N, C-alpha and C. Protein backbone atom coordinates (compact mmCIF):
# COMPACT_ATOMS: atom_id res chain seq x y z
N UNK A 1 128.96 80.93 114.11
CA UNK A 1 127.81 81.01 113.21
C UNK A 1 126.69 81.86 113.82
N UNK A 2 126.48 81.73 115.11
CA UNK A 2 125.41 82.49 115.76
C UNK A 2 125.63 83.99 115.60
N UNK A 3 126.88 84.43 115.76
CA UNK A 3 127.16 85.88 115.61
C UNK A 3 126.86 86.36 114.21
N UNK A 4 127.19 85.54 113.21
CA UNK A 4 126.89 85.90 111.82
C UNK A 4 125.38 85.97 111.61
N UNK A 5 124.64 85.03 112.15
CA UNK A 5 123.18 85.05 112.03
C UNK A 5 122.59 86.31 112.69
N UNK A 6 123.14 86.69 113.84
CA UNK A 6 122.67 87.90 114.50
C UNK A 6 122.90 89.13 113.63
N UNK A 7 124.07 89.19 112.99
CA UNK A 7 124.36 90.29 112.07
C UNK A 7 123.36 90.31 110.91
N UNK A 8 123.08 89.13 110.37
CA UNK A 8 122.13 89.03 109.25
C UNK A 8 120.73 89.50 109.66
N UNK A 9 120.29 89.12 110.84
CA UNK A 9 118.97 89.54 111.32
C UNK A 9 118.91 91.06 111.45
N UNK A 10 119.96 91.65 112.00
CA UNK A 10 120.00 93.11 112.13
C UNK A 10 119.99 93.80 110.77
N UNK A 11 120.71 93.25 109.82
CA UNK A 11 120.74 93.82 108.47
C UNK A 11 119.36 93.73 107.82
N UNK A 12 118.70 92.59 107.95
CA UNK A 12 117.36 92.44 107.38
C UNK A 12 116.38 93.37 108.08
N UNK A 13 116.53 93.54 109.38
CA UNK A 13 115.68 94.49 110.11
C UNK A 13 115.81 95.89 109.57
N UNK A 14 117.04 96.32 109.29
CA UNK A 14 117.26 97.66 108.72
C UNK A 14 116.63 97.79 107.34
N UNK A 15 116.78 96.73 106.54
CA UNK A 15 116.18 96.76 105.20
C UNK A 15 114.66 96.85 105.27
N UNK A 16 114.06 96.05 106.13
CA UNK A 16 112.60 96.10 106.29
C UNK A 16 112.14 97.50 106.68
N UNK A 17 112.85 98.09 107.64
CA UNK A 17 112.48 99.42 108.13
C UNK A 17 112.69 100.49 107.07
N UNK A 18 113.83 100.44 106.40
CA UNK A 18 114.14 101.45 105.38
C UNK A 18 113.24 101.36 104.16
N UNK A 19 112.77 100.16 103.84
CA UNK A 19 111.87 99.98 102.70
C UNK A 19 110.39 100.18 103.10
N UNK A 20 110.17 100.55 104.35
CA UNK A 20 108.81 100.76 104.90
C UNK A 20 107.94 99.50 104.79
N UNK A 21 108.58 98.36 105.03
CA UNK A 21 107.84 97.10 105.10
C UNK A 21 107.39 96.82 106.52
N UNK A 22 107.92 97.60 107.46
CA UNK A 22 107.46 97.61 108.86
C UNK A 22 107.47 99.06 109.34
N UNK A 23 106.68 99.32 110.37
CA UNK A 23 106.67 100.64 111.00
C UNK A 23 106.85 100.45 112.51
N UNK A 24 107.41 101.46 113.14
CA UNK A 24 107.57 101.44 114.60
C UNK A 24 108.22 100.12 115.05
N UNK A 25 107.54 99.35 115.91
CA UNK A 25 108.10 98.11 116.44
C UNK A 25 107.54 96.87 115.77
N UNK A 26 106.89 97.04 114.63
CA UNK A 26 106.23 95.92 113.95
C UNK A 26 107.21 94.87 113.45
N UNK A 27 106.66 93.69 113.20
CA UNK A 27 107.37 92.62 112.52
C UNK A 27 108.31 91.82 113.41
N UNK A 28 108.80 90.72 112.85
CA UNK A 28 109.79 89.90 113.53
C UNK A 28 110.53 89.04 112.52
N UNK A 29 111.72 88.63 112.90
CA UNK A 29 112.62 87.88 112.03
C UNK A 29 113.23 86.76 112.85
N UNK A 30 113.41 85.60 112.23
CA UNK A 30 114.09 84.51 112.94
C UNK A 30 114.97 83.72 111.98
N UNK A 31 115.95 83.05 112.57
CA UNK A 31 116.81 82.10 111.85
C UNK A 31 116.91 80.85 112.70
N UNK A 32 116.67 79.70 112.07
CA UNK A 32 116.79 78.42 112.77
C UNK A 32 118.27 78.11 112.99
N UNK A 33 118.63 77.79 114.23
CA UNK A 33 120.01 77.43 114.57
C UNK A 33 120.19 75.92 114.49
N UNK A 34 119.24 75.17 115.02
CA UNK A 34 119.21 73.71 114.88
C UNK A 34 117.77 73.26 115.06
N UNK A 35 117.55 71.98 115.24
CA UNK A 35 116.19 71.45 115.29
C UNK A 35 115.42 71.83 116.55
N UNK A 36 116.08 72.49 117.50
CA UNK A 36 115.41 72.86 118.75
C UNK A 36 115.57 74.33 119.12
N UNK A 37 116.39 75.07 118.37
CA UNK A 37 116.69 76.45 118.76
C UNK A 37 116.61 77.40 117.56
N UNK A 38 116.27 78.65 117.87
CA UNK A 38 116.25 79.69 116.84
C UNK A 38 116.65 81.03 117.44
N UNK A 39 117.20 81.88 116.61
CA UNK A 39 117.44 83.27 116.96
C UNK A 39 116.23 84.07 116.50
N UNK A 40 115.78 85.00 117.34
CA UNK A 40 114.59 85.77 117.01
C UNK A 40 114.74 87.20 117.52
N UNK A 41 114.03 88.10 116.88
CA UNK A 41 114.06 89.51 117.27
C UNK A 41 113.28 89.73 118.56
N UNK A 42 113.62 90.78 119.30
CA UNK A 42 112.92 91.07 120.54
C UNK A 42 111.56 91.74 120.29
N UNK A 43 110.71 91.63 121.27
CA UNK A 43 109.42 92.30 121.20
C UNK A 43 109.59 93.80 121.48
N UNK A 44 108.68 94.59 120.94
CA UNK A 44 108.61 96.03 121.21
C UNK A 44 109.93 96.76 120.93
N UNK A 45 110.53 96.44 119.78
CA UNK A 45 111.75 97.14 119.39
C UNK A 45 111.73 97.34 117.89
N UNK A 46 112.10 98.54 117.45
CA UNK A 46 112.15 98.83 116.02
C UNK A 46 113.16 97.93 115.34
N UNK A 47 112.73 97.32 114.24
CA UNK A 47 113.64 96.45 113.49
C UNK A 47 114.75 97.24 112.80
N UNK A 48 114.55 98.53 112.65
CA UNK A 48 115.56 99.35 111.99
C UNK A 48 116.72 99.75 112.87
N UNK A 49 116.62 99.52 114.17
CA UNK A 49 117.65 100.00 115.09
C UNK A 49 118.22 98.90 115.99
N UNK A 50 118.06 97.68 115.61
CA UNK A 50 118.58 96.58 116.42
C UNK A 50 120.10 96.46 116.27
N UNK A 51 120.72 95.97 117.33
CA UNK A 51 122.13 95.58 117.30
C UNK A 51 122.20 94.10 117.70
N UNK A 52 123.35 93.50 117.48
CA UNK A 52 123.48 92.06 117.69
C UNK A 52 123.08 91.61 119.10
N UNK A 53 123.39 92.41 120.11
CA UNK A 53 123.04 92.03 121.48
C UNK A 53 121.54 92.01 121.74
N UNK A 54 120.76 92.59 120.85
CA UNK A 54 119.30 92.59 121.01
C UNK A 54 118.66 91.27 120.59
N UNK A 55 119.36 90.49 119.79
CA UNK A 55 118.80 89.26 119.24
C UNK A 55 118.86 88.16 120.30
N UNK A 56 117.79 87.38 120.37
CA UNK A 56 117.63 86.39 121.45
C UNK A 56 117.68 84.97 120.89
N UNK A 57 118.34 84.09 121.60
CA UNK A 57 118.33 82.66 121.28
C UNK A 57 117.28 82.01 122.18
N UNK A 58 116.32 81.31 121.55
CA UNK A 58 115.28 80.62 122.32
C UNK A 58 115.16 79.18 121.84
N UNK A 59 114.51 78.35 122.66
CA UNK A 59 114.16 77.02 122.20
C UNK A 59 112.75 77.07 121.61
N UNK A 60 112.27 75.96 121.12
CA UNK A 60 110.97 75.93 120.44
C UNK A 60 109.79 76.14 121.39
N UNK A 61 110.07 76.17 122.70
CA UNK A 61 109.02 76.43 123.68
C UNK A 61 109.02 77.90 124.13
N UNK A 62 109.92 78.70 123.56
CA UNK A 62 110.00 80.11 123.91
C UNK A 62 110.89 80.44 125.08
N UNK A 63 111.60 79.43 125.60
CA UNK A 63 112.53 79.67 126.72
C UNK A 63 113.77 80.40 126.21
N UNK A 64 114.15 81.46 126.90
CA UNK A 64 115.34 82.23 126.51
C UNK A 64 116.60 81.48 126.92
N UNK A 65 117.47 81.23 125.93
CA UNK A 65 118.73 80.53 126.18
C UNK A 65 119.91 81.49 126.18
N UNK A 66 119.74 82.62 125.47
CA UNK A 66 120.80 83.63 125.41
C UNK A 66 120.16 84.96 125.06
N UNK A 67 120.54 85.99 125.81
CA UNK A 67 120.01 87.32 125.55
C UNK A 67 119.25 87.85 126.74
N UNK A 68 119.16 89.18 126.81
CA UNK A 68 118.52 89.81 127.97
C UNK A 68 117.14 90.38 127.66
N UNK A 69 116.76 90.40 126.40
CA UNK A 69 115.47 90.98 126.03
C UNK A 69 114.38 89.91 125.97
N UNK A 70 113.15 90.35 125.89
CA UNK A 70 112.01 89.44 125.76
C UNK A 70 111.81 89.11 124.28
N UNK A 71 111.71 87.83 123.94
CA UNK A 71 111.54 87.47 122.52
C UNK A 71 110.18 87.87 121.98
N UNK A 72 110.10 87.97 120.67
CA UNK A 72 108.84 88.29 120.00
C UNK A 72 107.73 87.35 120.46
N UNK A 73 106.56 87.91 120.67
CA UNK A 73 105.40 87.10 121.06
C UNK A 73 104.94 86.20 119.91
N UNK A 74 105.45 86.43 118.71
CA UNK A 74 105.06 85.65 117.53
C UNK A 74 105.94 84.41 117.33
N UNK A 75 106.72 84.02 118.35
CA UNK A 75 107.65 82.92 118.15
C UNK A 75 106.94 81.63 117.72
N UNK A 76 105.69 81.43 118.14
CA UNK A 76 104.96 80.22 117.76
C UNK A 76 104.70 80.16 116.25
N UNK A 77 104.51 81.32 115.64
CA UNK A 77 104.35 81.40 114.19
C UNK A 77 105.60 80.82 113.52
N UNK A 78 106.76 81.18 114.05
CA UNK A 78 108.03 80.74 113.49
C UNK A 78 108.28 79.25 113.74
N UNK A 79 108.09 78.82 114.98
CA UNK A 79 108.38 77.41 115.29
C UNK A 79 107.44 76.46 114.55
N UNK A 80 106.22 76.91 114.29
CA UNK A 80 105.27 76.07 113.54
C UNK A 80 105.80 75.77 112.14
N UNK A 81 106.37 76.78 111.50
CA UNK A 81 106.95 76.56 110.17
C UNK A 81 108.16 75.64 110.28
N UNK A 82 109.07 75.93 111.20
CA UNK A 82 110.29 75.12 111.32
C UNK A 82 109.99 73.65 111.62
N UNK A 83 108.98 73.39 112.42
CA UNK A 83 108.63 72.01 112.76
C UNK A 83 108.06 71.26 111.57
N UNK A 84 107.49 71.98 110.63
CA UNK A 84 106.81 71.33 109.50
C UNK A 84 107.58 71.37 108.19
N UNK A 85 108.64 72.16 108.12
CA UNK A 85 109.45 72.25 106.90
C UNK A 85 110.93 72.21 107.26
N UNK A 86 111.54 71.05 107.08
CA UNK A 86 112.95 70.89 107.42
C UNK A 86 113.87 71.73 106.53
N UNK A 87 113.38 72.10 105.35
CA UNK A 87 114.20 72.88 104.41
C UNK A 87 114.15 74.38 104.68
N UNK A 88 113.33 74.80 105.62
CA UNK A 88 113.19 76.23 105.93
C UNK A 88 114.12 76.59 107.08
N UNK A 89 114.90 77.66 106.88
CA UNK A 89 115.86 78.08 107.90
C UNK A 89 115.68 79.52 108.37
N UNK A 90 114.74 80.25 107.77
CA UNK A 90 114.54 81.65 108.17
C UNK A 90 113.12 82.10 107.84
N UNK A 91 112.63 83.03 108.67
CA UNK A 91 111.27 83.55 108.51
C UNK A 91 111.28 85.05 108.74
N UNK A 92 110.53 85.75 107.89
CA UNK A 92 110.35 87.19 108.03
C UNK A 92 108.86 87.47 108.08
N UNK A 93 108.44 88.14 109.14
CA UNK A 93 107.05 88.59 109.27
C UNK A 93 107.06 90.11 109.28
N UNK A 94 106.25 90.71 108.41
CA UNK A 94 106.22 92.17 108.30
C UNK A 94 104.81 92.65 108.00
N UNK A 95 104.69 93.98 107.92
CA UNK A 95 103.39 94.61 107.64
C UNK A 95 103.52 95.57 106.45
N UNK A 96 103.94 95.07 105.28
CA UNK A 96 104.03 95.97 104.13
C UNK A 96 102.65 96.54 103.80
N UNK A 97 102.58 97.81 103.49
CA UNK A 97 101.30 98.50 103.38
C UNK A 97 100.36 97.85 102.36
N UNK A 98 100.83 97.65 101.14
CA UNK A 98 99.94 97.15 100.10
C UNK A 98 99.56 95.69 100.35
N UNK A 99 100.54 94.87 100.68
CA UNK A 99 100.24 93.46 100.97
C UNK A 99 99.32 93.35 102.18
N UNK A 100 99.51 94.21 103.17
CA UNK A 100 98.61 94.20 104.34
C UNK A 100 97.20 94.61 103.95
N UNK A 101 97.08 95.52 102.99
CA UNK A 101 95.75 95.90 102.49
C UNK A 101 95.07 94.70 101.83
N UNK A 102 95.85 93.90 101.09
CA UNK A 102 95.30 92.67 100.52
C UNK A 102 94.82 91.76 101.65
N UNK A 103 95.60 91.66 102.72
CA UNK A 103 95.24 90.81 103.86
C UNK A 103 93.98 91.31 104.56
N UNK A 104 93.86 92.63 104.69
CA UNK A 104 92.67 93.22 105.32
C UNK A 104 91.42 92.92 104.49
N UNK A 105 91.60 92.85 103.17
CA UNK A 105 90.47 92.57 102.27
C UNK A 105 90.31 91.07 101.99
N UNK A 106 91.09 90.23 102.68
CA UNK A 106 91.06 88.77 102.49
C UNK A 106 91.26 88.38 101.03
N UNK A 107 92.15 89.09 100.35
CA UNK A 107 92.41 88.81 98.94
C UNK A 107 93.78 88.14 98.79
N UNK A 108 93.80 86.90 98.32
CA UNK A 108 95.08 86.22 98.09
C UNK A 108 95.89 86.95 97.02
N UNK A 109 97.18 86.76 97.05
CA UNK A 109 98.06 87.34 96.04
C UNK A 109 98.37 86.25 95.03
N UNK A 110 97.85 86.43 93.81
CA UNK A 110 98.02 85.45 92.74
C UNK A 110 98.26 86.24 91.45
N UNK A 111 99.51 86.56 91.18
CA UNK A 111 99.88 87.45 90.07
C UNK A 111 100.09 86.66 88.79
N UNK A 112 99.00 86.19 88.21
CA UNK A 112 99.11 85.37 87.00
C UNK A 112 99.33 86.20 85.74
N UNK A 113 99.62 87.48 85.91
CA UNK A 113 99.90 88.30 84.74
C UNK A 113 101.32 88.83 84.73
N UNK A 114 102.18 88.30 85.60
CA UNK A 114 103.60 88.66 85.59
C UNK A 114 104.44 87.39 85.75
N UNK A 115 105.24 87.02 84.74
CA UNK A 115 105.99 85.76 84.82
C UNK A 115 106.92 85.68 86.01
N UNK A 116 107.56 86.80 86.38
CA UNK A 116 108.49 86.76 87.52
C UNK A 116 107.77 86.42 88.81
N UNK A 117 106.56 86.97 88.95
CA UNK A 117 105.78 86.70 90.16
C UNK A 117 105.36 85.24 90.24
N UNK A 118 105.00 84.67 89.11
CA UNK A 118 104.61 83.26 89.08
C UNK A 118 105.79 82.38 89.45
N UNK A 119 106.95 82.67 88.86
CA UNK A 119 108.12 81.80 89.04
C UNK A 119 108.76 81.93 90.42
N UNK A 120 108.89 83.14 90.94
CA UNK A 120 109.65 83.30 92.18
C UNK A 120 108.81 83.51 93.42
N UNK A 121 107.64 84.12 93.27
CA UNK A 121 106.81 84.40 94.45
C UNK A 121 105.79 83.30 94.68
N UNK A 122 105.08 82.93 93.64
CA UNK A 122 104.01 81.95 93.78
C UNK A 122 102.77 82.61 94.36
N UNK A 123 101.81 81.80 94.73
CA UNK A 123 100.55 82.27 95.31
C UNK A 123 100.72 82.46 96.81
N UNK A 124 100.21 83.58 97.32
CA UNK A 124 100.18 83.83 98.75
C UNK A 124 98.73 83.82 99.20
N UNK A 125 98.28 82.71 99.80
CA UNK A 125 96.90 82.65 100.28
C UNK A 125 96.72 83.48 101.55
N UNK A 126 95.48 83.61 101.98
CA UNK A 126 95.17 84.36 103.21
C UNK A 126 94.78 83.38 104.31
N UNK A 127 95.53 83.39 105.39
CA UNK A 127 95.20 82.55 106.55
C UNK A 127 94.01 83.16 107.29
N UNK A 128 93.26 82.33 107.95
CA UNK A 128 92.12 82.82 108.74
C UNK A 128 92.60 83.74 109.84
N UNK A 129 91.73 84.68 110.22
CA UNK A 129 92.13 85.65 111.25
C UNK A 129 92.33 84.97 112.61
N UNK A 130 93.39 85.38 113.27
CA UNK A 130 93.64 84.99 114.67
C UNK A 130 94.44 86.12 115.30
N UNK A 131 94.27 86.32 116.59
CA UNK A 131 94.97 87.40 117.27
C UNK A 131 96.49 87.21 117.23
N UNK A 132 97.23 88.29 117.01
CA UNK A 132 98.69 88.20 117.00
C UNK A 132 99.23 87.61 118.31
N UNK A 133 100.29 86.82 118.17
CA UNK A 133 100.96 86.26 119.35
C UNK A 133 100.27 85.05 119.96
N UNK A 134 99.24 84.54 119.30
CA UNK A 134 98.50 83.41 119.88
C UNK A 134 98.83 82.10 119.17
N UNK A 135 98.49 81.01 119.85
CA UNK A 135 98.63 79.68 119.26
C UNK A 135 97.73 79.57 118.03
N UNK A 136 96.57 80.22 118.09
CA UNK A 136 95.62 80.19 116.98
C UNK A 136 96.22 80.80 115.71
N UNK A 137 97.01 81.85 115.88
CA UNK A 137 97.66 82.45 114.71
C UNK A 137 98.63 81.46 114.08
N UNK A 138 99.41 80.79 114.91
CA UNK A 138 100.34 79.78 114.39
C UNK A 138 99.58 78.68 113.67
N UNK A 139 98.47 78.23 114.22
CA UNK A 139 97.68 77.17 113.58
C UNK A 139 97.03 77.64 112.28
N UNK A 140 96.76 78.93 112.17
CA UNK A 140 96.08 79.45 110.98
C UNK A 140 96.91 79.30 109.71
N UNK A 141 98.23 79.22 109.84
CA UNK A 141 99.08 79.11 108.65
C UNK A 141 99.36 77.66 108.26
N UNK A 142 98.97 76.71 109.10
CA UNK A 142 99.28 75.30 108.85
C UNK A 142 98.89 74.81 107.45
N UNK A 143 97.72 75.17 106.92
CA UNK A 143 97.35 74.65 105.59
C UNK A 143 98.27 75.12 104.46
N UNK A 144 99.11 76.11 104.71
CA UNK A 144 99.89 76.73 103.63
C UNK A 144 101.38 76.48 103.72
N UNK A 145 101.84 75.92 104.81
CA UNK A 145 103.28 75.79 105.04
C UNK A 145 103.97 74.95 103.98
N UNK A 146 103.39 73.82 103.62
CA UNK A 146 104.09 72.89 102.73
C UNK A 146 104.09 73.28 101.26
N UNK A 147 103.11 74.03 100.81
CA UNK A 147 102.98 74.28 99.38
C UNK A 147 103.13 75.73 98.96
N UNK A 148 103.57 76.59 99.87
CA UNK A 148 103.70 78.01 99.56
C UNK A 148 104.98 78.56 100.17
N UNK A 149 105.37 79.75 99.69
CA UNK A 149 106.56 80.45 100.21
C UNK A 149 106.20 81.39 101.36
N UNK A 150 104.94 81.42 101.72
CA UNK A 150 104.46 82.29 102.78
C UNK A 150 102.97 82.49 102.61
N UNK A 151 102.41 83.38 103.41
CA UNK A 151 100.99 83.68 103.28
C UNK A 151 100.69 85.04 103.89
N UNK A 152 99.52 85.53 103.58
CA UNK A 152 99.02 86.74 104.22
C UNK A 152 98.32 86.33 105.50
N UNK A 153 98.42 87.15 106.51
CA UNK A 153 97.73 86.93 107.78
C UNK A 153 96.54 87.86 107.80
N UNK A 154 95.36 87.31 107.82
CA UNK A 154 94.14 88.11 107.70
C UNK A 154 94.12 89.27 108.69
N UNK A 155 93.84 90.47 108.17
CA UNK A 155 93.77 91.70 108.97
C UNK A 155 95.04 91.98 109.75
N UNK A 156 96.18 91.57 109.20
CA UNK A 156 97.42 91.66 109.99
C UNK A 156 98.62 92.04 109.13
N UNK A 157 99.09 91.15 108.30
CA UNK A 157 100.30 91.42 107.53
C UNK A 157 100.67 90.22 106.69
N UNK A 158 101.95 89.92 106.61
CA UNK A 158 102.42 88.81 105.78
C UNK A 158 103.59 88.11 106.46
N UNK A 159 103.78 86.85 106.09
CA UNK A 159 104.90 86.08 106.60
C UNK A 159 105.50 85.30 105.42
N UNK A 160 106.84 85.31 105.33
CA UNK A 160 107.56 84.60 104.27
C UNK A 160 108.58 83.67 104.91
N UNK A 161 108.76 82.50 104.34
CA UNK A 161 109.77 81.57 104.83
C UNK A 161 110.62 81.08 103.67
N UNK A 162 111.88 80.79 103.97
CA UNK A 162 112.79 80.35 102.92
C UNK A 162 114.03 79.67 103.50
N UNK A 163 114.98 79.35 102.61
CA UNK A 163 116.19 78.62 103.00
C UNK A 163 117.13 79.47 103.84
N UNK A 164 117.09 80.80 103.67
CA UNK A 164 117.93 81.69 104.47
C UNK A 164 117.21 83.02 104.64
N UNK A 165 117.72 83.86 105.52
CA UNK A 165 117.01 85.08 105.88
C UNK A 165 116.96 86.10 104.73
N UNK A 166 117.99 86.10 103.88
CA UNK A 166 117.96 87.01 102.74
C UNK A 166 116.89 86.59 101.73
N UNK A 167 116.78 85.31 101.48
CA UNK A 167 115.75 84.81 100.57
C UNK A 167 114.35 85.09 101.10
N UNK A 168 114.15 84.93 102.40
CA UNK A 168 112.85 85.23 103.01
C UNK A 168 112.54 86.72 102.88
N UNK A 169 113.56 87.55 103.09
CA UNK A 169 113.38 89.00 102.92
C UNK A 169 113.03 89.35 101.48
N UNK A 170 113.74 88.75 100.52
CA UNK A 170 113.46 89.06 99.11
C UNK A 170 112.04 88.69 98.73
N UNK A 171 111.53 87.59 99.30
CA UNK A 171 110.13 87.24 99.06
C UNK A 171 109.20 88.34 99.56
N UNK A 172 109.50 88.88 100.74
CA UNK A 172 108.66 89.95 101.29
C UNK A 172 108.73 91.20 100.40
N UNK A 173 109.92 91.51 99.94
CA UNK A 173 110.11 92.66 99.06
C UNK A 173 109.32 92.46 97.75
N UNK A 174 109.41 91.26 97.18
CA UNK A 174 108.68 90.96 95.95
C UNK A 174 107.17 91.00 96.18
N UNK A 175 106.74 90.45 97.30
CA UNK A 175 105.32 90.43 97.62
C UNK A 175 104.75 91.84 97.59
N UNK A 176 105.41 92.77 98.25
CA UNK A 176 104.93 94.14 98.28
C UNK A 176 105.00 94.78 96.89
N UNK A 177 106.07 94.53 96.15
CA UNK A 177 106.23 95.08 94.81
C UNK A 177 105.09 94.63 93.89
N UNK A 178 104.80 93.32 93.90
CA UNK A 178 103.76 92.81 93.01
C UNK A 178 102.36 93.22 93.46
N UNK A 179 102.16 93.37 94.76
CA UNK A 179 100.86 93.89 95.23
C UNK A 179 100.66 95.33 94.75
N UNK A 180 101.70 96.15 94.83
CA UNK A 180 101.61 97.53 94.33
C UNK A 180 101.34 97.54 92.83
N UNK A 181 102.06 96.70 92.10
CA UNK A 181 101.88 96.62 90.65
C UNK A 181 100.46 96.21 90.30
N UNK A 182 99.95 95.22 91.01
CA UNK A 182 98.58 94.75 90.78
C UNK A 182 97.57 95.86 91.03
N UNK A 183 97.75 96.57 92.13
CA UNK A 183 96.83 97.66 92.48
C UNK A 183 96.81 98.72 91.39
N UNK A 184 97.98 99.12 90.91
CA UNK A 184 98.07 100.15 89.87
C UNK A 184 97.50 99.63 88.55
N UNK A 185 97.83 98.39 88.19
CA UNK A 185 97.33 97.81 86.94
C UNK A 185 95.81 97.77 86.93
N UNK A 186 95.21 97.42 88.07
CA UNK A 186 93.75 97.34 88.13
C UNK A 186 93.10 98.72 88.09
N UNK A 187 93.82 99.74 88.53
CA UNK A 187 93.30 101.10 88.43
C UNK A 187 93.36 101.60 86.98
N UNK A 188 94.38 101.14 86.26
CA UNK A 188 94.54 101.56 84.86
C UNK A 188 93.52 100.84 83.96
N UNK A 189 93.35 99.54 84.21
CA UNK A 189 92.45 98.76 83.35
C UNK A 189 92.29 97.36 83.87
N UNK A 190 92.19 96.41 82.93
CA UNK A 190 92.03 94.99 83.28
C UNK A 190 93.33 94.26 82.99
N UNK A 191 94.05 93.82 84.01
CA UNK A 191 95.31 93.11 83.78
C UNK A 191 95.11 91.88 82.89
N UNK A 192 96.04 91.67 82.00
CA UNK A 192 95.99 90.55 81.07
C UNK A 192 96.63 89.32 81.70
N UNK A 193 95.86 88.25 81.84
CA UNK A 193 96.35 87.01 82.43
C UNK A 193 97.26 86.29 81.43
N UNK A 194 98.39 85.75 81.90
CA UNK A 194 99.27 84.97 81.05
C UNK A 194 98.60 83.61 80.78
N UNK A 195 98.50 83.23 79.49
CA UNK A 195 97.84 81.92 79.19
C UNK A 195 98.61 80.74 79.75
């Protein structure tokens, strides 16, 4: 199962990179292996060019159990979600341009004028600003873990969590799509809210 998860992480990394949801070495991806361990992407490596041997197995304290690379400094962001949501098995953190612009402007994503966005994406609130890779960043998302599919990280990017890594990726893809749609709609006129 671990080898399959590693393949999935690499595939999602390529998709994120090819869809320009991350640039350079940005972002991170994880899959929960059990209640104490997760696979996570390495730090300072392009998500578009990872291979299975690059993926690291760590415990919830960040100790490397398998792999030769250094794990993402954002591992606390991931373990915070896993500790609080037993139904969550994968997390994708990225920096999609439009959604990140919403985060920079501290604007939550609430697409009440598109039924698909309401049903599948939900509201993405903005967590308070905290420096990347810190305990404070992990704590900043705590208010949103139980009632949302993810959130924007103030002045940073976005994080999505779901039952599997493909579902978490699709949330990120949808988030960026609806942010772009919202931006264009507001430039054209006044978006019509669904009653």
